[in-house]
Amino acid sequence: MRKQLLGSAHPDIATSLNNLAGLYKFQGRYTEAEPLFLKALTILFSQLGEEHPNTQTVMKNYGIFLQQVLNENRQGELSDQRSLQIISQMESEE
């Protein structure tokens, strides 16, 4: 219903996607969580920009998600090649 009222590219939709992704992460449903984080980031980058606090929050949440997947050795569940690149960068920074 929110999507119908606000449109699919509204920042509030991104917030909802981020929240649902966080729930899925908590439940260990990584293959369902990742696309929601990515969709939320796509919306926020286009609507608010990279430096906006909301965008930064979702980026942080997605980073925590990637770290958890890395720590659990479950990279095979990631669907996005960019995610694997981010994990590789995180490993090289440690």
C-alpha atoms as a PDB file:
ATOM      1  CA  MET A   1       0.000   0.000   0.000  1.00  0.00           C
ATOM      2  CA  ARG A   2       2.828   2.417   0.828  1.00  0.00           C
ATOM      3  CA  LYS A   3       4.359   1.759  -2.562  1.00  0.00           C
ATOM      4  CA  GLN A   4       1.068   2.682  -4.242  1.00  0.00           C
ATOM      5  CA  LEU A   5       0.778   5.913  -2.268  1.00  0.00           C
ATOM      6  CA  LEU A   6       4.403   7.046  -2.393  1.00  0.00           C
ATOM      7  CA  GLY A   7       5.717   5.426  -5.562  1.00  0.00           C
ATOM      8  CA  SER A   8       8.345   2.720  -5.774  1.00  0.00           C
ATOM      9  CA  ALA A   9      11.298   5.145  -5.717  1.00  0.00           C
ATOM     10  CA  HIS A  10      10.363   7.088  -2.575  1.00  0.00           C
ATOM     11  CA  PRO A  11      12.978   7.160   0.223  1.00  0.00           C
ATOM     12  CA  ASP A  12      10.395   5.848   2.704  1.00  0.00           C
ATOM     13  CA  ILE A  13      10.082   2.718   0.566  1.00  0.00           C
ATOM     14  CA  ALA A  14      13.858   2.318   0.830  1.00  0.00           C
ATOM     15  CA  THR A  15      13.566   2.547   4.621  1.00  0.00           C
ATOM     16  CA  SER A  16      10.949  -0.197   4.615  1.00  0.00           C
ATOM     17  CA  LEU A  17      13.130  -2.362   2.366  1.00  0.00           C
ATOM     18  CA  ASN A  18      16.104  -1.817   4.684  1.00  0.00           C
ATOM     19  CA  ASN A  19      14.027  -2.795   7.713  1.00  0.00           C
ATOM     20  CA  LEU A  20      12.742  -5.955   6.048  1.00  0.00           C
ATOM     21  CA  ALA A  21      16.266  -6.835   4.897  1.00  0.00           C
ATOM     22  CA  GLY A  22      17.471  -6.444   8.478  1.00  0.00           C
ATOM     23  CA  LEU A  23      14.783  -8.830   9.677  1.00  0.00           C
ATOM     24  CA  TYR A  24      15.721 -11.376   7.024  1.00  0.00           C
ATOM     25  CA  LYS A  25      19.397 -11.018   7.991  1.00  0.00           C
ATOM     26  CA  PHE A  26      18.522 -11.683  11.614  1.00  0.00           C
ATOM     27  CA  GLN A  27      16.599 -14.787  10.542  1.00  0.00           C
ATOM     28  CA  GLY A  28      19.526 -16.007   8.422  1.00  0.00           C
ATOM     29  CA  ARG A  29      17.558 -15.557   5.197  1.00  0.00           C
ATOM     30  CA  TYR A  30      20.512 -14.049   3.355  1.00  0.00           C
ATOM     31  CA  THR A  31      19.367 -14.738  -0.187  1.00  0.00           C
ATOM     32  CA  GLU A  32      16.179 -12.798   0.549  1.00  0.00           C
ATOM     33  CA  ALA A  33      17.888  -9.992   2.477  1.00  0.00           C
ATOM     34  CA  GLU A  34      20.562  -9.024  -0.017  1.00  0.00           C
ATOM     35  CA  PRO A  35      18.294  -7.917  -2.901  1.00  0.00           C
ATOM     36  CA  LEU A  36      16.314  -5.742  -0.489  1.00  0.00           C
ATOM     37  CA  PHE A  37      19.455  -3.981   0.747  1.00  0.00           C
ATOM     38  CA  LEU A  38      20.533  -3.427  -2.858  1.00  0.00           C
ATOM     39  CA  LYS A  39      17.121  -2.088  -3.911  1.00  0.00           C
ATOM     40  CA  ALA A  40      17.074   0.264  -0.911  1.00  0.00           C
ATOM     41  CA  LEU A  41      20.535   1.544  -1.820  1.00  0.00           C
ATOM     42  CA  THR A  42      19.543   2.041  -5.454  1.00  0.00           C
ATOM     43  CA  ILE A  43      16.574   4.160  -4.401  1.00  0.00           C
ATOM     44  CA  LEU A  44      18.549   6.204  -1.884  1.00  0.00           C
ATOM     45  CA  PHE A  45      21.513   6.841  -4.186  1.00  0.00           C
ATOM     46  CA  SER A  46      19.180   8.158  -6.876  1.00  0.00           C
ATOM     47  CA  GLN A  47      16.838  10.132  -4.618  1.00  0.00           C
ATOM     48  CA  LEU A  48      19.052  11.425  -1.803  1.00  0.00           C
ATOM     49  CA  GLY A  49      22.657  10.869  -2.853  1.00  0.00           C
ATOM     50  CA  GLU A  50      25.542   8.996  -1.300  1.00  0.00           C
ATOM     51  CA  GLU A  51      26.239  11.497   1.486  1.00  0.00           C
ATOM     52  CA  HIS A  52      22.696  11.639   2.908  1.00  0.00           C
ATOM     53  CA  PRO A  53      22.411  10.167   6.433  1.00  0.00           C
ATOM     54  CA  ASN A  54      19.685   7.721   5.358  1.00  0.00           C
ATOM     55  CA  THR A  55      21.874   6.419   2.549  1.00  0.00           C
ATOM     56  CA  GLN A  56      24.821   6.132   4.924  1.00  0.00           C
ATOM     57  CA  THR A  57      22.692   4.152   7.389  1.00  0.00           C
ATOM     58  CA  VAL A  58      21.643   1.611   4.776  1.00  0.00           C
ATOM     59  CA  MET A  59      25.234   1.382   3.504  1.00  0.00           C
ATOM     60  CA  LYS A  60      26.354   0.634   7.065  1.00  0.00           C
ATOM     61  CA  ASN A  61      23.622  -1.974   7.508  1.00  0.00           C
ATOM     62  CA  TYR A  62      24.561  -3.598   4.212  1.00  0.00           C
ATOM     63  CA  GLY A  63      28.216  -3.617   5.249  1.00  0.00           C
ATOM     64  CA  ILE A  64      27.312  -5.347   8.513  1.00  0.00           C
ATOM     65  CA  PHE A  65      25.279  -7.849   6.514  1.00  0.00           C
ATOM     66  CA  LEU A  66      28.237  -8.561   4.230  1.00  0.00           C
ATOM     67  CA  GLN A  67      30.552  -8.935   7.222  1.00  0.00           C
ATOM     68  CA  GLN A  68      28.160 -11.430   8.809  1.00  0.00           C
ATOM     69  CA  VAL A  69      27.954 -13.436   5.597  1.00  0.00           C
ATOM     70  CA  LEU A  70      31.757 -13.383   5.380  1.00  0.00           C
ATOM     71  CA  ASN A  71      32.155 -14.479   8.996  1.00  0.00           C
ATOM     72  CA  GLU A  72      29.746 -17.361   8.463  1.00  0.00           C
ATOM     73  CA  ASN A  73      31.567 -18.380   5.276  1.00  0.00           C
ATOM     74  CA  ARG A  74      28.363 -18.141   3.246  1.00  0.00           C
ATOM     75  CA  GLN A  75      29.551 -16.056   0.300  1.00  0.00           C
ATOM     76  CA  GLY A  76      27.932 -18.556  -2.055  1.00  0.00           C
ATOM     77  CA  GLU A  77      24.553 -17.168  -1.014  1.00  0.00           C
ATOM     78  CA  LEU A  78      25.356 -13.706  -2.335  1.00  0.00           C
ATOM     79  CA  SER A  79      23.786 -13.006  -5.686  1.00  0.00           C
ATOM     80  CA  ASP A  80      25.506  -9.775  -6.586  1.00  0.00           C
ATOM     81  CA  GLN A  81      29.056  -9.634  -7.947  1.00  0.00           C
ATOM     82  CA  ARG A  82      29.437  -6.185  -6.354  1.00  0.00           C
ATOM     83  CA  SER A  83      28.835  -7.782  -2.953  1.00  0.00           C
ATOM     84  CA  LEU A  84      31.722 -10.136  -3.527  1.00  0.00           C
ATOM     85  CA  GLN A  85      33.930  -7.189  -4.503  1.00  0.00           C
ATOM     86  CA  ILE A  86      32.999  -5.354  -1.291  1.00  0.00           C
ATOM     87  CA  ILE A  87      33.849  -8.448   0.747  1.00  0.00           C
ATOM     88  CA  SER A  88      37.197  -8.703  -1.018  1.00  0.00           C
ATOM     89  CA  GLN A  89      37.932  -5.044  -0.195  1.00  0.00           C
ATOM     90  CA  MET A  90      36.955  -5.575   3.441  1.00  0.00           C
ATOM     91  CA  GLU A  91      39.348  -8.526   3.696  1.00  0.00           C
ATOM     92  CA  SER A  92      42.233  -6.555   2.201  1.00  0.00           C
ATOM     93  CA  GLU A  93      41.674  -3.668   4.641  1.00  0.00           C
ATOM     94  CA  GLU A  94      41.963  -5.921   7.691  1.00  0.00           C
END
